[in-house]
């Protein structure tokens, strides 16, 4: 392709044009993908705020229709019952303030019911020796807890199969946690959601839960970067391929 305007000549090579077009389309596509991710985060945050504004669910008395579990996620809850302390689950590879540790999950049996829900009670440090079990809270009798309903915790890429280790008669360490796997280990049938214990509730560990903001600004920032790359590529493509007729760029 060759285009002449007065003393200037635009004459890029075919391979150069094809590469520039491919990367330009790629950068623009990535920019719009990040904008779409930002919109998804915005929608999730609106959903979270609406759920938090609703009245707390009383797990002992309110009937929860769980045909669509997404409708009850992030709802506040209260419950009366007792922790089944002889079934402690440690979710490995959890970091807080730069320290390695576990999230402690304990079954919670509702008062006057056969229903059991798995509760994330917070974070404990692994200490200097992973072979030494952390000191865990032991509660007795009926207690009241407060928290929010959540889905199973998400984990990153596992480099091996889920490693399940018995650290004693009452403690199991896992690399990944699903309700089905915990149910198989403990021989307990759980409700199909998890309760994350609130910082104000007693009978828990360190609970510095991350604030739930939308996170959309991060994706918008990435989108601007990809669009900037596309514009920069286009400018470089023009500059490198515009020459004067006498051969001087």
Protein backbone atom coordinates (compact mmCIF):
# COMPACT_ATOMS: atom_id res chain seq x y z
CA UNK A 1 0.00 0.00 0.00
CA UNK A 2 1.27 3.44 -0.94
CA UNK A 3 -0.35 6.83 -0.41
CA UNK A 4 1.20 10.13 -1.48
CA UNK A 5 0.12 13.53 -0.15
CA UNK A 6 2.22 16.40 -1.45
CA UNK A 7 5.79 15.76 -0.29
CA UNK A 8 4.85 12.94 2.10
CA UNK A 9 4.58 9.28 1.29
CA UNK A 10 2.80 6.71 3.43
CA UNK A 11 4.19 3.33 2.38
CA UNK A 12 4.07 0.64 5.07
CA UNK A 13 5.05 -2.94 4.38
CA UNK A 14 2.24 -5.48 4.28
CA UNK A 15 3.61 -7.54 7.19
CA UNK A 16 4.00 -4.38 9.28
CA UNK A 17 0.40 -3.37 8.62
CA UNK A 18 -0.91 -6.83 9.47
CA UNK A 19 1.00 -6.97 12.77
CA UNK A 20 -0.07 -3.45 13.70
CA UNK A 21 -3.70 -4.27 12.92
CA UNK A 22 -3.61 -7.50 14.96
CA UNK A 23 -2.13 -5.83 18.05
CA UNK A 24 -4.35 -2.76 17.68
CA UNK A 25 -7.48 -4.93 17.65
CA UNK A 26 -6.08 -6.98 20.54
CA UNK A 27 -5.41 -3.92 22.71
CA UNK A 28 -8.82 -2.41 21.99
CA UNK A 29 -10.54 -5.74 22.71
CA UNK A 30 -8.72 -6.02 26.02
CA UNK A 31 -9.78 -2.49 26.89
CA UNK A 32 -13.45 -3.23 26.28
CA UNK A 33 -13.10 -6.53 28.18
CA UNK A 34 -11.83 -4.61 31.20
CA UNK A 35 -14.74 -2.17 30.92
CA UNK A 36 -17.10 -5.16 30.90
CA UNK A 37 -15.37 -6.53 34.01
CA UNK A 38 -15.81 -3.13 35.68
CA UNK A 39 -19.54 -3.23 34.93
CA UNK A 40 -19.77 -6.73 36.39
CA UNK A 41 -18.02 -5.58 39.58
CA UNK A 42 -20.32 -2.57 39.77
CA UNK A 43 -23.39 -4.80 39.49
CA UNK A 44 -22.06 -7.19 42.14
CA UNK A 45 -21.42 -4.30 44.51
CA UNK A 46 -24.95 -2.97 44.04
CA UNK A 47 -26.24 -6.48 44.76
CA UNK A 48 -24.06 -6.69 47.90
CA UNK A 49 -25.30 -3.35 49.23
CA UNK A 50 -28.93 -4.30 48.65
CA UNK A 51 -28.42 -7.62 50.43
CA UNK A 52 -26.78 -5.92 53.40
CA UNK A 53 -29.68 -3.48 53.74
CA UNK A 54 -32.18 -6.30 54.25
CA UNK A 55 -33.19 -7.54 57.69
CA UNK A 56 -31.04 -10.28 59.17
CA UNK A 57 -32.21 -13.86 58.62
CA UNK A 58 -32.87 -15.89 61.77
CA UNK A 59 -31.63 -19.36 60.81
CA UNK A 60 -33.59 -20.88 63.68
CA UNK A 61 -36.98 -19.57 62.61
CA UNK A 62 -36.95 -18.07 59.11
CA UNK A 63 -37.68 -20.43 56.26
CA UNK A 64 -35.01 -20.08 53.56
CA UNK A 65 -35.89 -21.11 50.04
CA UNK A 66 -32.62 -22.34 48.60
CA UNK A 67 -33.70 -23.11 45.04
CA UNK A 68 -31.50 -20.18 44.01
CA UNK A 69 -28.75 -19.74 46.58
CA UNK A 70 -27.52 -16.56 44.88
CA UNK A 71 -30.60 -14.74 46.19
CA UNK A 72 -29.48 -15.16 49.80
CA UNK A 73 -25.74 -14.55 49.44
CA UNK A 74 -24.38 -11.72 51.60
CA UNK A 75 -27.54 -11.64 53.73
CA UNK A 76 -26.90 -11.00 57.41
CA UNK A 77 -27.88 -13.87 59.71
CA UNK A 78 -28.28 -14.69 63.37
CA UNK A 79 -28.46 -18.17 64.84
CA UNK A 80 -28.60 -20.02 68.13
CA UNK A 81 -26.98 -23.41 68.53
CA UNK A 82 -23.70 -25.05 69.42
CA UNK A 83 -20.39 -25.58 67.68
CA UNK A 84 -19.42 -29.20 67.03
CA UNK A 85 -15.89 -28.60 68.26
CA UNK A 86 -14.68 -32.12 67.56
CA UNK A 87 -14.85 -31.39 63.84
CA UNK A 88 -12.44 -28.53 63.12
CA UNK A 89 -11.41 -27.77 59.53
CA UNK A 90 -8.31 -25.68 58.77
CA UNK A 91 -8.23 -24.10 55.30
CA UNK A 92 -4.54 -23.78 54.49
CA UNK A 93 -2.56 -21.04 52.71
CA UNK A 94 -4.45 -18.03 54.11
CA UNK A 95 -2.38 -14.88 54.62
CA UNK A 96 -3.08 -12.02 57.04
CA UNK A 97 -0.74 -9.02 57.55
CA UNK A 98 2.00 -10.92 55.76
CA UNK A 99 1.75 -14.02 57.97
CA UNK A 100 0.77 -17.50 56.89
CA UNK A 101 -2.20 -19.07 58.59
CA UNK A 102 -5.50 -20.89 58.35
CA UNK A 103 -9.18 -20.06 58.23
CA UNK A 104 -10.94 -22.13 60.86
CA UNK A 105 -14.24 -23.72 59.83
CA UNK A 106 -16.44 -25.39 62.43
CA UNK A 107 -19.85 -27.08 62.05
CA UNK A 108 -22.63 -25.24 63.90
CA UNK A 109 -25.76 -27.20 64.83
CA UNK A 110 -28.92 -25.13 65.09
CA UNK A 111 -30.91 -25.34 68.29
CA UNK A 112 -33.88 -27.75 68.21
CA UNK A 113 -32.98 -28.78 64.67
CA UNK A 114 -30.94 -31.32 62.76
CA UNK A 115 -29.66 -28.59 60.45
CA UNK A 116 -25.91 -27.91 60.54
CA UNK A 117 -24.13 -25.00 58.86
CA UNK A 118 -20.39 -24.62 58.31
CA UNK A 119 -19.02 -21.44 59.91
CA UNK A 120 -15.83 -19.57 58.99
CA UNK A 121 -14.71 -18.36 62.43
CA UNK A 122 -11.71 -16.36 61.24
CA UNK A 123 -7.93 -16.59 60.87
CA UNK A 124 -5.25 -18.15 63.05
CA UNK A 125 -1.50 -18.20 62.48
CA UNK A 126 0.35 -21.37 61.55
CA UNK A 127 3.12 -20.33 63.95
CA UNK A 128 6.74 -21.26 63.43
CA UNK A 129 6.05 -24.98 63.12
CA UNK A 130 3.29 -26.30 60.87
CA UNK A 131 3.47 -29.62 62.70
CA UNK A 132 2.11 -27.96 65.84
CA UNK A 133 -1.66 -27.46 65.83
CA UNK A 134 -2.96 -23.94 66.52
CA UNK A 135 -4.76 -23.35 69.81
CA UNK A 136 -8.45 -23.43 69.03
CA UNK A 137 -11.41 -22.12 71.02
CA UNK A 138 -13.63 -24.68 72.74
CA UNK A 139 -17.19 -23.57 73.43
CA UNK A 140 -19.85 -25.39 75.40
CA UNK A 141 -23.60 -25.14 75.45
CA UNK A 142 -25.92 -22.99 73.36
CA UNK A 143 -24.52 -19.74 71.98
CA UNK A 144 -25.66 -16.98 69.64
CA UNK A 145 -23.69 -16.06 66.51
CA UNK A 146 -24.02 -13.42 63.82
CA UNK A 147 -22.55 -13.33 60.35
CA UNK A 148 -23.27 -13.28 56.63
CA UNK A 149 -24.17 -16.05 54.21
CA UNK A 150 -21.52 -16.86 51.62
CA UNK A 151 -20.75 -19.42 48.98
CA UNK A 152 -17.84 -21.85 49.22
CA UNK A 153 -14.44 -20.09 49.37
CA UNK A 154 -12.66 -19.64 46.10
CA UNK A 155 -9.13 -20.93 45.78
CA UNK A 156 -6.38 -20.33 43.27
CA UNK A 157 -4.81 -22.90 40.99
CA UNK A 158 -3.95 -26.09 42.87
CA UNK A 159 -0.63 -27.63 41.85
CA UNK A 160 -1.74 -31.00 43.24
CA UNK A 161 -4.89 -32.82 44.22
CA UNK A 162 -6.66 -31.47 47.27
CA UNK A 163 -4.44 -32.60 50.12
CA UNK A 164 -6.40 -33.62 53.20
CA UNK A 165 -4.40 -34.15 56.37
CA UNK A 166 -5.59 -35.37 59.74
CA UNK A 167 -3.75 -33.37 62.40
CA UNK A 168 -5.44 -35.19 65.25
CA UNK A 169 -8.77 -36.67 66.18
CA UNK A 170 -10.56 -33.33 65.91
CA UNK A 171 -8.59 -31.31 63.32
CA UNK A 172 -8.36 -31.70 59.54
CA UNK A 173 -6.21 -29.52 57.27
CA UNK A 174 -7.31 -28.92 53.69
CA UNK A 175 -5.84 -27.07 50.70
CA UNK A 176 -9.28 -26.45 49.21
CA UNK A 177 -12.65 -26.44 50.88
CA UNK A 178 -15.99 -27.51 49.49
CA UNK A 179 -19.10 -28.34 51.46
CA UNK A 180 -19.29 -31.75 49.79
CA UNK A 181 -15.72 -32.65 50.78
CA UNK A 182 -16.17 -31.46 54.37
CA UNK A 183 -19.42 -33.41 54.56
CA UNK A 184 -17.61 -36.57 53.42
CA UNK A 185 -14.86 -36.06 56.01
CA UNK A 186 -17.11 -35.23 58.97
CA UNK A 187 -20.06 -37.46 58.02
CA UNK A 188 -22.30 -34.42 58.56
CA UNK A 189 -24.94 -33.16 56.13
CA UNK A 190 -24.54 -29.38 55.83
CA UNK A 191 -26.81 -26.63 54.61
CA UNK A 192 -25.67 -25.54 51.11
CA UNK A 193 -24.01 -22.28 52.18
CA UNK A 194 -21.37 -21.05 54.60
CA UNK A 195 -21.69 -18.50 57.40
CA UNK A 196 -18.81 -16.04 57.77
CA UNK A 197 -18.72 -14.99 61.41
CA UNK A 198 -18.98 -11.23 61.87
CA UNK A 199 -16.20 -9.35 63.73
CA UNK A 200 -18.74 -8.33 66.40
CA UNK A 201 -19.74 -11.92 67.16
CA UNK A 202 -17.98 -13.87 69.91
CA UNK A 203 -16.41 -17.34 69.71
CA UNK A 204 -14.18 -16.55 66.73
CA UNK A 205 -10.62 -15.76 65.73
CA UNK A 206 -9.05 -12.83 63.86
CA UNK A 207 -11.64 -11.47 61.44
CA UNK A 208 -10.17 -8.60 59.48
CA UNK A 209 -12.45 -9.21 56.54
CA UNK A 210 -11.63 -7.11 53.51
CA UNK A 211 -14.04 -4.27 52.91
CA UNK A 212 -16.42 -5.06 50.10
CA UNK A 213 -15.99 -2.24 47.58
CA UNK A 214 -16.89 -2.55 43.93
CA UNK A 215 -13.31 -2.79 42.63
CA UNK A 216 -14.47 -1.31 39.34
CA UNK A 217 -11.82 1.46 39.35
CA UNK A 218 -9.06 -1.11 39.01
CA UNK A 219 -10.60 -2.50 35.82
CA UNK A 220 -11.30 0.99 34.47
CA UNK A 221 -7.64 1.83 35.03
CA UNK A 222 -6.58 -1.30 33.13
CA UNK A 223 -8.98 -0.40 30.32
CA UNK A 224 -7.39 3.06 29.95
CA UNK A 225 -3.97 1.42 29.79
CA UNK A 226 -5.01 -0.94 26.98
CA UNK A 227 -6.61 1.92 25.03
CA UNK A 228 -3.44 3.97 25.57
CA UNK A 229 -1.38 1.09 24.18
CA UNK A 230 -3.64 0.98 21.12
CA UNK A 231 -3.31 4.72 20.51
CA UNK A 232 0.46 4.62 21.05
CA UNK A 233 0.78 1.73 18.60
CA UNK A 234 -1.25 3.62 16.00
CA UNK A 235 0.90 6.74 16.37
CA UNK A 236 4.14 4.75 16.11
CA UNK A 237 2.79 2.93 13.07
CA UNK A 238 2.06 6.23 11.33
CA UNK A 239 5.35 7.88 12.28
CA UNK A 240 7.46 4.92 11.22
CA UNK A 241 5.78 4.63 7.83
CA UNK A 242 5.44 8.27 6.73
CA UNK A 243 8.42 9.46 4.70
CA UNK A 244 9.25 12.36 2.46
CA UNK A 245 9.58 11.69 -1.21
CA UNK A 246 13.29 12.54 -1.03
CA UNK A 247 13.72 9.69 1.51
CA UNK A 248 14.02 11.90 4.59
CA UNK A 249 11.66 10.86 7.43
